Amino acid sequence: MVYENPDQVMVGLEVHVQLNKAATKMFCGCTTHYTDKETNTCLCPGCLALPGTTPVLNENSVNFAIKIGLALNAEIETETDFYMKNYFYPDLGNGYQVTQFDKPIVKNGRIVIEGEDGELTVRIRRAHMEDDPGKLAHIGTIDKSSGTLIDFNRSGMPLVEIVTEPDMRSAKEARRFLDKLRSILEYLDVVDGSLEGSIKADANVSVYRGTRVEVKNISSHKAVEKAINYEIMRQKDMIRKGNKLVQETRHFDEDRNITISLRVKETADDYRYFPDFDLVPLDVSDRIEGIRAAMPELPDAKRERFVSQYSISDAHAKGLTSEKAFADLFESVAQKIDPKTAASWVADVVKGELNYRDLPVTSINAPAIIEIVEMVARKEISEESGIAVLRTLLDEGGTPKEIVASKGLLMVEDNFIETAAKEAVAESPDAVADYKAGTEKALNFIVGKVMQKAKGKADARLAREMVLKELEKL
């Protein structure tokens, strides 16, 4: 089915990726691990742009930018340079931002995502390097703030800004793009996406191919989806009422789920770009192939390999490869047990239980999963009990064997199930009559009574077989 896009929505994203695994800031030796530090303590004269300081480019950030470009199937600009982007804002120590202008280090890339009607190729216009400003803390809401505090710990952090073409047609597609991009970045090991401010996005939104509005500095993928949906509704409402849309920059208030006008949108001329004479032009031609040779296996390639190597479904492969940690966990489990069983447990059960508790994948290890699955396979415990063991392990700790013993989860004997089946049939004359009359659900009711008698410690398939056997006698 072709997605009609009735409102002619066009969405482009500008994604700010903080290279917090580069060890030091973009142009000085201060640490990138600032999120757990006291305010204004990860600083040096360079961060604050004090007179007499000169920038020294962090080599890791350059290598990371090239890795990102290669992963985005993009062209790498072999000769690039840095510019001063001038605008007044209190969190800029220099009074300008060091960025790239007409020769970004990355250009003309693409990412394929799952769109509204199948695969969608989102074009990457460019990705350029720049340093991050400090962090502003407004007293009150941004539109009614009574004052603003500045933390310069973030100032000078290395960034890569990834700019897409307006190829996305809905908020859902934008969120899927961000999910895919984050997955790629984590596979590259250039960013820890769990840290505050590590990945932020600006969303450029228009309807009916009209005036574009930018919503700035959205901090989560969920918030991006909400902001775009709100902005689509706001713009449609403005047009319906006969009001004129203006090209502007807006802020998304996550508490109120609305966007707020900040300023009329600037153009490149407003920023007065000119070369940063403290930084010499950069030639990266001698390092591209070395970085390409050391590139890790990326999500799409890993998904294809999982399908072919382990004969698992594409749906399971997608779920397992969206996060590298889950992919690694699956492969560790699949080395010891049937890969299809491993995929089902890791992608469906383990991932679901971790997400429900908002726990990282490091909360569980492969040996524990293997032990649970093997006990289920040997019919020592039921599958339901296996899930209960996993939940207890995540909530309270312990080992699978200890949990099974303490909770008395070992499977009951077959003769117990046979007796329970006879009792359940005898106690359910109405359900038996309904089943004989062709109501399949009645069978499930009787099997459920068997499972109740066994307190969940029976094999559900065996219980069903025993019940059918008793029904055939009637």
Protein backbone atom coordinates (compact mmCIF):
# COMPACT_ATOMS: atom_id res chain seq x y z
CA MET A 1 0.00 0.00 0.00
CA VAL A 2 1.36 3.40 -1.05
CA TYR A 3 1.40 6.10 1.63
CA GLU A 4 -0.54 9.05 0.20
CA ASN A 5 0.84 11.70 2.60
CA PRO A 6 -2.39 13.74 2.38
CA ASP A 7 -0.97 16.77 4.23
CA GLN A 8 2.20 16.77 2.10
CA VAL A 9 4.30 16.69 5.24
CA MET A 10 8.03 17.16 4.76
CA VAL A 11 10.44 16.56 7.63
CA GLY A 12 14.19 17.02 7.69
CA LEU A 13 16.40 16.52 10.70
CA GLU A 14 19.61 18.08 11.96
CA VAL A 15 21.06 15.61 14.44
CA HIS A 16 23.76 16.76 16.86
CA VAL A 17 25.92 13.80 17.85
CA GLN A 18 28.18 14.43 20.80
CA LEU A 19 31.34 12.35 20.36
CA ASN A 20 31.64 11.64 24.07
CA LYS A 21 33.92 8.66 23.46
CA ALA A 22 36.62 10.87 21.93
CA ALA A 23 38.23 11.14 25.43
CA THR A 24 38.90 14.89 25.24
CA LYS A 25 37.09 17.96 23.98
CA MET A 26 37.34 19.18 20.40
CA PHE A 27 40.13 21.73 20.79
CA CYS A 28 41.61 21.17 24.27
CA GLY A 29 42.58 18.41 26.69
CA CYS A 30 39.56 18.60 29.02
CA THR A 31 37.65 15.35 29.54
CA THR A 32 34.47 14.49 27.67
CA HIS A 33 33.14 12.74 30.80
CA TYR A 34 31.50 15.79 32.32
CA THR A 35 27.91 14.70 32.99
CA ASP A 36 28.55 13.54 36.56
CA LYS A 37 30.90 16.42 37.46
CA GLU A 38 30.18 19.55 39.47
CA THR A 39 29.00 22.56 37.49
CA ASN A 40 31.80 24.51 35.77
CA THR A 41 34.63 22.16 36.83
CA CYS A 42 35.59 20.51 33.49
CA LEU A 43 37.16 23.69 32.22
CA CYS A 44 40.40 25.23 31.03
CA PRO A 45 41.32 28.61 29.54
CA GLY A 46 40.63 27.14 26.08
CA CYS A 47 37.07 26.10 26.98
CA LEU A 48 36.38 29.64 28.15
CA ALA A 49 38.19 31.24 25.16
CA LEU A 50 40.40 33.33 27.40
CA PRO A 51 42.82 35.69 25.60
CA GLY A 52 46.00 34.02 24.38
CA THR A 53 44.58 30.49 24.03
CA THR A 54 44.69 28.65 20.70
CA PRO A 55 42.80 25.52 19.68
CA VAL A 56 44.46 22.13 19.07
CA LEU A 57 42.27 19.73 17.09
CA ASN A 58 41.40 16.37 18.70
CA GLU A 59 42.49 13.61 16.27
CA ASN A 60 39.93 11.12 17.64
CA SER A 61 37.07 13.42 16.68
CA VAL A 62 38.34 13.57 13.09
CA ASN A 63 38.60 9.77 12.89
CA PHE A 64 35.13 9.41 14.41
CA ALA A 65 33.65 11.83 11.85
CA ILE A 66 35.16 9.77 9.02
CA LYS A 67 33.77 6.54 10.54
CA ILE A 68 30.33 8.11 10.71
CA GLY A 69 30.58 9.21 7.09
CA LEU A 70 31.55 5.74 5.91
CA ALA A 71 28.71 4.18 7.90
CA LEU A 72 26.28 6.63 6.26
CA ASN A 73 27.39 5.43 2.79
CA ALA A 74 28.65 8.96 2.17
CA GLU A 75 31.50 10.73 0.41
CA ILE A 76 34.41 11.88 2.58
CA GLU A 77 35.82 15.32 1.80
CA THR A 78 39.58 14.77 1.69
CA GLU A 79 40.41 18.47 2.20
CA THR A 80 38.30 20.43 4.63
CA ASP A 81 38.59 23.41 6.94
CA PHE A 82 36.95 25.19 9.87
CA TYR A 83 34.95 28.41 9.97
CA MET A 84 33.68 30.81 12.61
CA LYS A 85 29.87 30.86 12.87
CA ASN A 86 29.02 34.16 14.51
CA TYR A 87 25.98 34.67 16.66
CA PHE A 88 25.55 36.16 20.11
CA TYR A 89 24.60 33.68 22.78
CA PRO A 90 25.84 33.62 26.38
CA ASP A 91 26.96 29.97 26.28
CA LEU A 92 29.54 30.66 23.56
CA GLY A 93 32.84 31.57 25.23
CA ASN A 94 34.36 32.69 21.92
CA GLY A 95 31.33 34.65 20.82
CA TYR A 96 31.30 32.32 17.81
CA GLN A 97 31.05 28.57 17.16
CA VAL A 98 33.85 26.69 15.41
CA THR A 99 32.21 24.70 12.62
CA GLN A 100 32.53 23.77 8.94
CA PHE A 101 30.92 25.67 6.10
CA ASP A 102 31.19 24.93 2.38
CA LYS A 103 33.42 21.86 2.68
CA PRO A 104 31.90 19.55 5.33
CA ILE A 105 33.92 16.43 6.05
CA VAL A 106 30.93 14.22 5.01
CA LYS A 107 28.40 14.71 2.21
CA ASN A 108 25.87 12.84 0.05
CA GLY A 109 25.06 9.87 2.25
CA ARG A 110 21.95 7.79 2.91
CA ILE A 111 20.22 5.62 5.50
CA VAL A 112 17.46 3.13 4.67
CA ILE A 113 14.65 2.93 7.23
CA GLU A 114 11.24 1.29 7.47
CA GLY A 115 8.87 3.92 6.12
CA GLU A 116 5.10 4.23 6.18
CA ASP A 117 4.80 2.01 3.07
CA GLY A 118 7.99 -0.05 2.99
CA GLU A 119 11.66 0.80 2.78
CA LEU A 120 12.48 4.52 2.64
CA THR A 121 15.85 5.97 1.72
CA VAL A 122 16.63 9.12 3.70
CA ARG A 123 19.32 11.18 2.01
CA ILE A 124 22.08 12.72 4.11
CA ARG A 125 22.98 16.14 2.75
CA ARG A 126 26.06 16.63 4.92
CA ALA A 127 27.71 15.93 8.26
CA HIS A 128 30.11 18.47 9.65
CA MET A 129 32.32 18.83 12.71
CA GLU A 130 31.85 21.56 15.30
CA ASP A 131 32.21 22.25 19.01
CA ASP A 132 29.30 22.24 21.46
CA PRO A 133 28.31 25.39 23.36
CA GLY A 134 27.83 25.39 27.13
CA LYS A 135 24.54 24.51 28.77
CA LEU A 136 21.94 27.07 29.77
CA ALA A 137 19.60 26.46 32.71
CA HIS A 138 16.59 28.76 32.59
CA ILE A 139 14.84 29.78 35.78
CA GLY A 140 11.25 28.97 34.87
CA THR A 141 10.09 28.18 31.33
CA ILE A 142 12.22 29.38 28.42
CA ASP A 143 9.60 31.91 27.28
CA LYS A 144 9.05 33.39 30.76
CA SER A 145 12.43 32.83 32.41
CA SER A 146 13.42 35.23 35.19
CA GLY A 147 17.10 34.41 34.73
CA THR A 148 19.57 32.02 33.15
CA LEU A 149 22.54 30.11 34.59
CA ILE A 150 25.44 28.81 32.49
CA ASP A 151 27.42 25.59 32.89
CA PHE A 152 30.52 25.55 30.66
CA ASN A 153 31.36 21.87 31.32
CA ARG A 154 29.84 20.98 27.94
CA SER A 155 31.55 23.85 26.14
CA GLY A 156 33.99 22.56 23.53
CA MET A 157 32.62 19.00 23.36
CA PRO A 158 33.23 17.49 19.91
CA LEU A 159 30.11 17.27 17.76
CA VAL A 160 29.16 15.92 14.37
CA GLU A 161 25.98 17.48 13.02
CA ILE A 162 24.18 15.22 10.54
CA VAL A 163 21.80 17.04 8.20
CA THR A 164 19.19 15.12 6.20
CA GLU A 165 17.15 16.10 3.20
CA PRO A 166 13.40 16.58 3.94
CA ASP A 167 12.63 13.00 2.91
CA MET A 168 10.54 11.93 5.89
CA ARG A 169 6.78 12.22 5.66
CA SER A 170 5.66 11.70 9.24
CA ALA A 171 6.76 11.92 12.85
CA LYS A 172 6.90 8.12 12.94
CA GLU A 173 9.42 8.02 10.09
CA ALA A 174 11.54 10.67 11.82
CA ARG A 175 11.64 8.61 15.00
CA ARG A 176 12.57 5.47 13.05
CA PHE A 177 15.38 7.39 11.38
CA LEU A 178 16.73 8.48 14.77
CA ASP A 179 16.47 4.94 16.14
CA LYS A 180 18.41 3.59 13.14
CA LEU A 181 21.01 6.35 13.35
CA ARG A 182 21.57 5.81 17.06
CA SER A 183 22.02 2.08 16.45
CA ILE A 184 24.68 2.78 13.80
CA LEU A 185 26.50 5.25 16.05
CA GLU A 186 26.60 2.80 18.96
CA TYR A 187 27.95 0.05 16.68
CA LEU A 188 30.70 2.49 15.64
CA ASP A 189 31.50 3.06 19.34
CA VAL A 190 31.73 6.83 18.90
CA VAL A 191 28.99 7.83 21.34
CA ASP A 192 27.40 6.64 24.55
CA GLY A 193 23.77 7.35 23.74
CA SER A 194 22.65 6.87 27.33
CA LEU A 195 24.34 10.06 28.52
CA GLU A 196 22.46 13.34 28.78
CA GLY A 197 22.76 15.50 25.67
CA SER A 198 24.60 12.86 23.65
CA ILE A 199 22.15 12.94 20.73
CA LYS A 200 19.85 15.91 20.13
CA ALA A 201 17.81 16.85 17.09
CA ASP A 202 16.39 19.89 15.36
CA ALA A 203 13.30 19.09 13.27
CA ASN A 204 12.43 21.09 10.15
CA VAL A 205 8.73 20.66 9.44
CA SER A 206 6.40 21.89 6.71
CA VAL A 207 2.92 20.96 5.44
CA TYR A 208 1.47 21.35 1.94
CA ARG A 209 5.05 22.05 0.75
CA GLY A 210 4.83 25.45 2.38
CA THR A 211 6.91 27.45 4.85
CA ARG A 212 9.45 25.46 6.84
CA VAL A 213 9.59 25.81 10.63
CA GLU A 214 12.50 24.57 12.74
CA VAL A 215 12.01 23.10 16.22
CA LYS A 216 15.33 23.26 18.09
CA ASN A 217 17.25 21.09 20.54
CA ILE A 218 14.85 18.20 21.14
CA SER A 219 16.48 15.82 23.58
CA SER A 220 14.85 12.42 22.98
CA HIS A 221 13.45 10.37 20.11
CA LYS A 222 10.04 10.23 21.77
CA ALA A 223 10.04 14.01 22.18
CA VAL A 224 11.00 14.47 18.51
CA GLU A 225 7.95 12.43 17.48
CA LYS A 226 5.69 14.48 19.79
CA ALA A 227 7.15 17.80 18.64
CA ILE A 228 6.69 16.99 14.94
CA ASN A 229 3.12 15.78 15.45
CA TYR A 230 2.28 18.96 17.36
CA GLU A 231 3.94 21.16 14.76
CA ILE A 232 2.03 19.46 11.91
CA MET A 233 -1.27 20.10 13.71
CA ARG A 234 -0.29 23.70 14.55
CA GLN A 235 0.64 24.52 10.96
CA LYS A 236 -2.50 22.90 9.54
CA ASP A 237 -4.60 24.88 12.03
CA MET A 238 -2.86 28.16 11.09
CA ILE A 239 -3.52 27.54 7.39
CA ARG A 240 -7.15 26.51 8.04
CA LYS A 241 -7.72 29.81 9.87
CA GLY A 242 -6.16 31.81 7.03
CA ASN A 243 -3.07 32.85 9.00
CA LYS A 244 0.34 33.13 7.37
CA LEU A 245 3.13 30.84 8.50
CA VAL A 246 6.54 32.46 9.01
CA GLN A 247 9.93 30.81 8.79
CA GLU A 248 10.96 30.73 12.42
CA THR A 249 12.77 28.80 15.13
CA ARG A 250 10.62 27.25 17.84
CA HIS A 251 11.27 25.42 21.13
CA PHE A 252 9.47 22.22 22.20
CA ASP A 253 8.22 22.41 25.78
CA GLU A 254 8.21 18.76 26.89
CA ASP A 255 6.09 19.49 29.97
CA ARG A 256 3.28 21.09 27.98
CA ASN A 257 3.85 19.18 24.70
CA ILE A 258 3.72 22.39 22.65
CA THR A 259 6.16 24.41 20.56
CA ILE A 260 6.98 28.02 21.44
CA SER A 261 8.29 30.69 19.07
CA LEU A 262 11.86 31.77 19.86
CA ARG A 263 12.98 33.92 16.94
CA VAL A 264 12.67 34.47 13.21
CA LYS A 265 14.82 31.87 11.44
CA GLU A 266 18.35 33.02 10.60
CA THR A 267 19.98 32.45 7.21
CA ALA A 268 23.62 31.60 6.49
CA ASP A 269 24.29 35.29 5.80
CA ASP A 270 23.17 36.18 9.32
CA TYR A 271 25.91 33.99 10.78
CA ARG A 272 28.71 35.83 8.89
CA TYR A 273 30.83 32.72 8.30
CA PHE A 274 34.52 33.36 7.79
CA PRO A 275 37.61 31.12 8.10
CA ASP A 276 39.02 30.33 11.54
CA PHE A 277 42.61 31.43 11.10
CA ASP A 278 43.71 29.58 14.26
CA LEU A 279 43.05 26.24 12.52
CA VAL A 280 44.88 25.15 9.37
CA PRO A 281 43.07 23.33 6.54
CA LEU A 282 42.69 19.60 7.22
CA ASP A 283 43.78 16.87 4.77
CA VAL A 284 42.39 13.44 5.71
CA SER A 285 43.14 11.60 2.47
CA ASP A 286 45.83 9.42 4.07
CA ARG A 287 43.57 7.97 6.78
CA ILE A 288 40.28 7.13 5.04
CA GLU A 289 41.18 3.63 3.81
CA GLY A 290 42.74 2.63 7.12
CA ILE A 291 39.53 3.60 8.92
CA ARG A 292 37.42 1.83 6.29
CA ALA A 293 39.40 -1.40 6.79
CA ALA A 294 38.78 -1.28 10.56
CA MET A 295 35.02 -0.59 10.33
CA PRO A 296 32.88 -2.90 12.47
CA GLU A 297 29.96 -4.95 11.19
CA LEU A 298 26.98 -2.57 11.10
CA PRO A 299 23.33 -3.33 11.96
CA ASP A 300 22.04 -4.06 8.44
CA ALA A 301 24.95 -6.36 7.60
CA LYS A 302 24.62 -8.14 10.96
CA ARG A 303 20.88 -8.61 10.43
CA GLU A 304 21.48 -10.24 7.04
CA ARG A 305 24.16 -12.50 8.51
CA PHE A 306 21.91 -13.57 11.40
CA VAL A 307 19.18 -14.60 8.95
CA SER A 308 21.55 -16.59 6.74
CA GLN A 309 23.85 -18.03 9.43
CA TYR A 310 21.30 -18.88 12.11
CA SER A 311 18.15 -19.35 9.94
CA ILE A 312 16.12 -17.05 12.18
CA SER A 313 13.28 -14.81 11.00
CA ASP A 314 13.99 -11.34 9.66
CA ALA A 315 11.74 -9.90 12.40
CA HIS A 316 13.85 -11.55 15.12
CA ALA A 317 17.06 -10.46 13.37
CA LYS A 318 15.87 -6.84 13.28
CA GLY A 319 14.98 -6.90 16.96
CA LEU A 320 18.29 -8.48 17.93
CA THR A 321 20.51 -6.15 15.89
CA SER A 322 18.89 -2.83 16.82
CA GLU A 323 21.28 -2.70 19.78
CA LYS A 324 24.78 -4.14 19.57
CA ALA A 325 24.63 -5.42 23.15
CA PHE A 326 21.56 -7.54 22.34
CA ALA A 327 23.20 -8.86 19.19
CA ASP A 328 26.27 -9.88 21.18
CA LEU A 329 24.09 -11.49 23.87
CA PHE A 330 22.19 -13.51 21.26
CA GLU A 331 25.36 -14.80 19.63
CA SER A 332 26.72 -15.90 23.01
CA VAL A 333 23.48 -17.79 23.76
CA ALA A 334 23.23 -19.23 20.23
CA GLN A 335 26.65 -20.86 20.59
CA LYS A 336 25.24 -23.18 23.27
CA ILE A 337 21.59 -23.79 22.34
CA ASP A 338 19.41 -23.94 19.23
CA PRO A 339 19.71 -20.52 17.51
CA LYS A 340 15.97 -20.23 16.78
CA THR A 341 15.17 -20.89 20.42
CA ALA A 342 17.89 -18.44 21.45
CA ALA A 343 16.44 -15.78 19.13
CA SER A 344 12.94 -16.25 20.51
CA TRP A 345 14.08 -16.00 24.12
CA VAL A 346 16.48 -13.06 23.70
CA ALA A 347 14.39 -10.99 21.24
CA ASP A 348 10.95 -11.65 22.73
CA VAL A 349 11.30 -12.62 26.38
CA VAL A 350 14.56 -11.13 27.65
CA LYS A 351 14.29 -7.88 25.71
CA GLY A 352 10.66 -7.44 26.76
CA GLU A 353 11.42 -8.01 30.46
CA LEU A 354 14.39 -5.62 30.37
CA ASN A 355 12.41 -2.92 28.57
CA TYR A 356 9.55 -3.27 31.05
CA ARG A 357 11.97 -2.63 33.90
CA ASP A 358 13.99 -0.01 31.98
CA LEU A 359 17.12 -2.09 32.63
CA PRO A 360 20.23 -2.28 30.42
CA VAL A 361 21.18 -5.52 28.72
CA THR A 362 24.10 -5.83 31.13
CA SER A 363 21.53 -6.74 33.82
CA ILE A 364 21.47 -10.31 32.44
CA ASN A 365 24.23 -12.60 31.18
CA ALA A 366 24.32 -15.36 28.58
CA PRO A 367 25.05 -18.27 31.00
CA ALA A 368 21.89 -17.47 33.02
CA ILE A 369 19.72 -17.42 29.89
CA ILE A 370 21.28 -20.66 28.65
CA GLU A 371 20.63 -22.34 31.99
CA ILE A 372 16.96 -21.30 32.00
CA VAL A 373 16.35 -22.37 28.40
CA GLU A 374 18.10 -25.71 28.91
CA MET A 375 15.92 -26.45 31.97
CA VAL A 376 12.84 -25.71 29.85
CA ALA A 377 14.16 -27.93 27.03
CA ARG A 378 14.78 -30.81 29.46
CA LYS A 379 11.21 -30.31 30.77
CA GLU A 380 12.52 -29.70 34.27
CA ILE A 381 10.44 -26.52 34.35
CA SER A 382 7.66 -25.20 32.13
CA GLU A 383 8.17 -22.27 29.76
CA GLU A 384 5.96 -20.16 32.04
CA SER A 385 8.17 -21.07 34.98
CA GLY A 386 11.23 -20.21 32.90
CA ILE A 387 9.88 -16.71 32.39
CA ALA A 388 9.11 -16.49 36.13
CA VAL A 389 12.72 -17.48 36.88
CA LEU A 390 13.99 -14.73 34.55
CA ARG A 391 11.77 -12.13 36.22
CA THR A 392 12.93 -13.15 39.69
CA LEU A 393 16.54 -13.07 38.57
CA LEU A 394 16.13 -9.49 37.28
CA ASP A 395 14.14 -8.30 40.30
CA GLU A 396 15.90 -10.08 43.16
CA GLY A 397 19.09 -11.65 41.82
CA GLY A 398 20.27 -15.20 42.44
CA THR A 399 20.90 -18.09 40.06
CA PRO A 400 18.30 -19.99 38.00
CA LYS A 401 18.79 -23.23 39.97
CA GLU A 402 18.43 -21.43 43.30
CA ILE A 403 15.25 -19.70 42.15
CA VAL A 404 13.71 -22.93 40.83
CA ALA A 405 14.45 -24.69 44.13
CA SER A 406 13.25 -21.85 46.38
CA LYS A 407 9.99 -21.37 44.47
CA GLY A 408 9.33 -25.08 43.91
CA LEU A 409 9.06 -24.71 40.14
CA LEU A 410 10.15 -28.20 39.08
CA MET A 411 7.66 -29.79 36.69
CA VAL A 412 5.10 -32.23 38.07
CA GLU A 413 5.17 -35.86 36.94
CA ASP A 414 3.15 -37.02 33.90
CA ASN A 415 0.86 -39.15 36.06
CA PHE A 416 -0.08 -36.02 38.06
CA ILE A 417 -1.06 -34.28 34.81
CA GLU A 418 -3.10 -37.31 33.74
CA THR A 419 -4.99 -37.29 37.05
CA ALA A 420 -5.50 -33.51 36.86
CA ALA A 421 -6.87 -33.85 33.33
CA LYS A 422 -9.43 -36.45 34.44
CA GLU A 423 -10.51 -34.22 37.32
CA ALA A 424 -10.76 -31.11 35.15
CA VAL A 425 -12.94 -32.88 32.59
CA ALA A 426 -15.19 -34.30 35.31
CA GLU A 427 -15.54 -30.88 36.96
CA SER A 428 -16.44 -29.06 33.72
CA PRO A 429 -19.60 -30.60 32.22
CA ASP A 430 -20.70 -27.34 30.58
CA ALA A 431 -17.31 -26.82 28.94
CA VAL A 432 -17.27 -30.45 27.77
CA ALA A 433 -20.71 -29.98 26.19
CA ASP A 434 -19.59 -26.76 24.50
CA TYR A 435 -16.48 -28.46 23.14
CA LYS A 436 -18.52 -31.37 21.79
CA ALA A 437 -20.75 -28.78 20.11
CA GLY A 438 -17.72 -27.30 18.32
CA THR A 439 -16.61 -24.47 20.63
CA GLU A 440 -12.82 -24.65 20.61
CA LYS A 441 -12.45 -22.12 23.43
CA ALA A 442 -14.03 -24.61 25.81
CA LEU A 443 -10.97 -26.84 25.42
CA ASN A 444 -8.73 -23.97 26.55
CA PHE A 445 -10.90 -23.54 29.64
CA ILE A 446 -10.40 -27.19 30.65
CA VAL A 447 -6.65 -27.08 29.95
CA GLY A 448 -6.50 -23.94 32.09
CA LYS A 449 -8.02 -25.86 34.99
CA VAL A 450 -5.30 -28.51 34.61
CA MET A 451 -2.62 -25.81 34.73
CA GLN A 452 -4.26 -24.36 37.84
CA LYS A 453 -4.14 -27.72 39.57
CA ALA A 454 -0.46 -28.04 38.61
CA LYS A 455 0.18 -24.45 39.78
CA GLY A 456 1.78 -23.67 36.44
CA LYS A 457 4.30 -26.49 36.80
CA ALA A 458 2.95 -28.60 33.95
CA ASP A 459 3.85 -28.72 30.28
CA ALA A 460 0.91 -26.93 28.62
CA ARG A 461 1.16 -29.04 25.46
CA LEU A 462 1.14 -32.27 27.48
CA ALA A 463 -1.81 -31.00 29.53
CA ARG A 464 -3.71 -30.31 26.30
CA GLU A 465 -2.94 -33.80 24.98
CA MET A 466 -4.13 -35.40 28.24
CA VAL A 467 -7.39 -33.41 28.18
CA LEU A 468 -8.06 -34.37 24.55
CA LYS A 469 -7.40 -38.00 25.45
CA GLU A 470 -10.00 -37.83 28.24
CA LEU A 471 -12.52 -36.07 25.97
CA GLU A 472 -12.17 -38.78 23.35
CA LYS A 473 -13.32 -41.33 25.94
CA LEU A 474 -16.66 -39.54 26.37
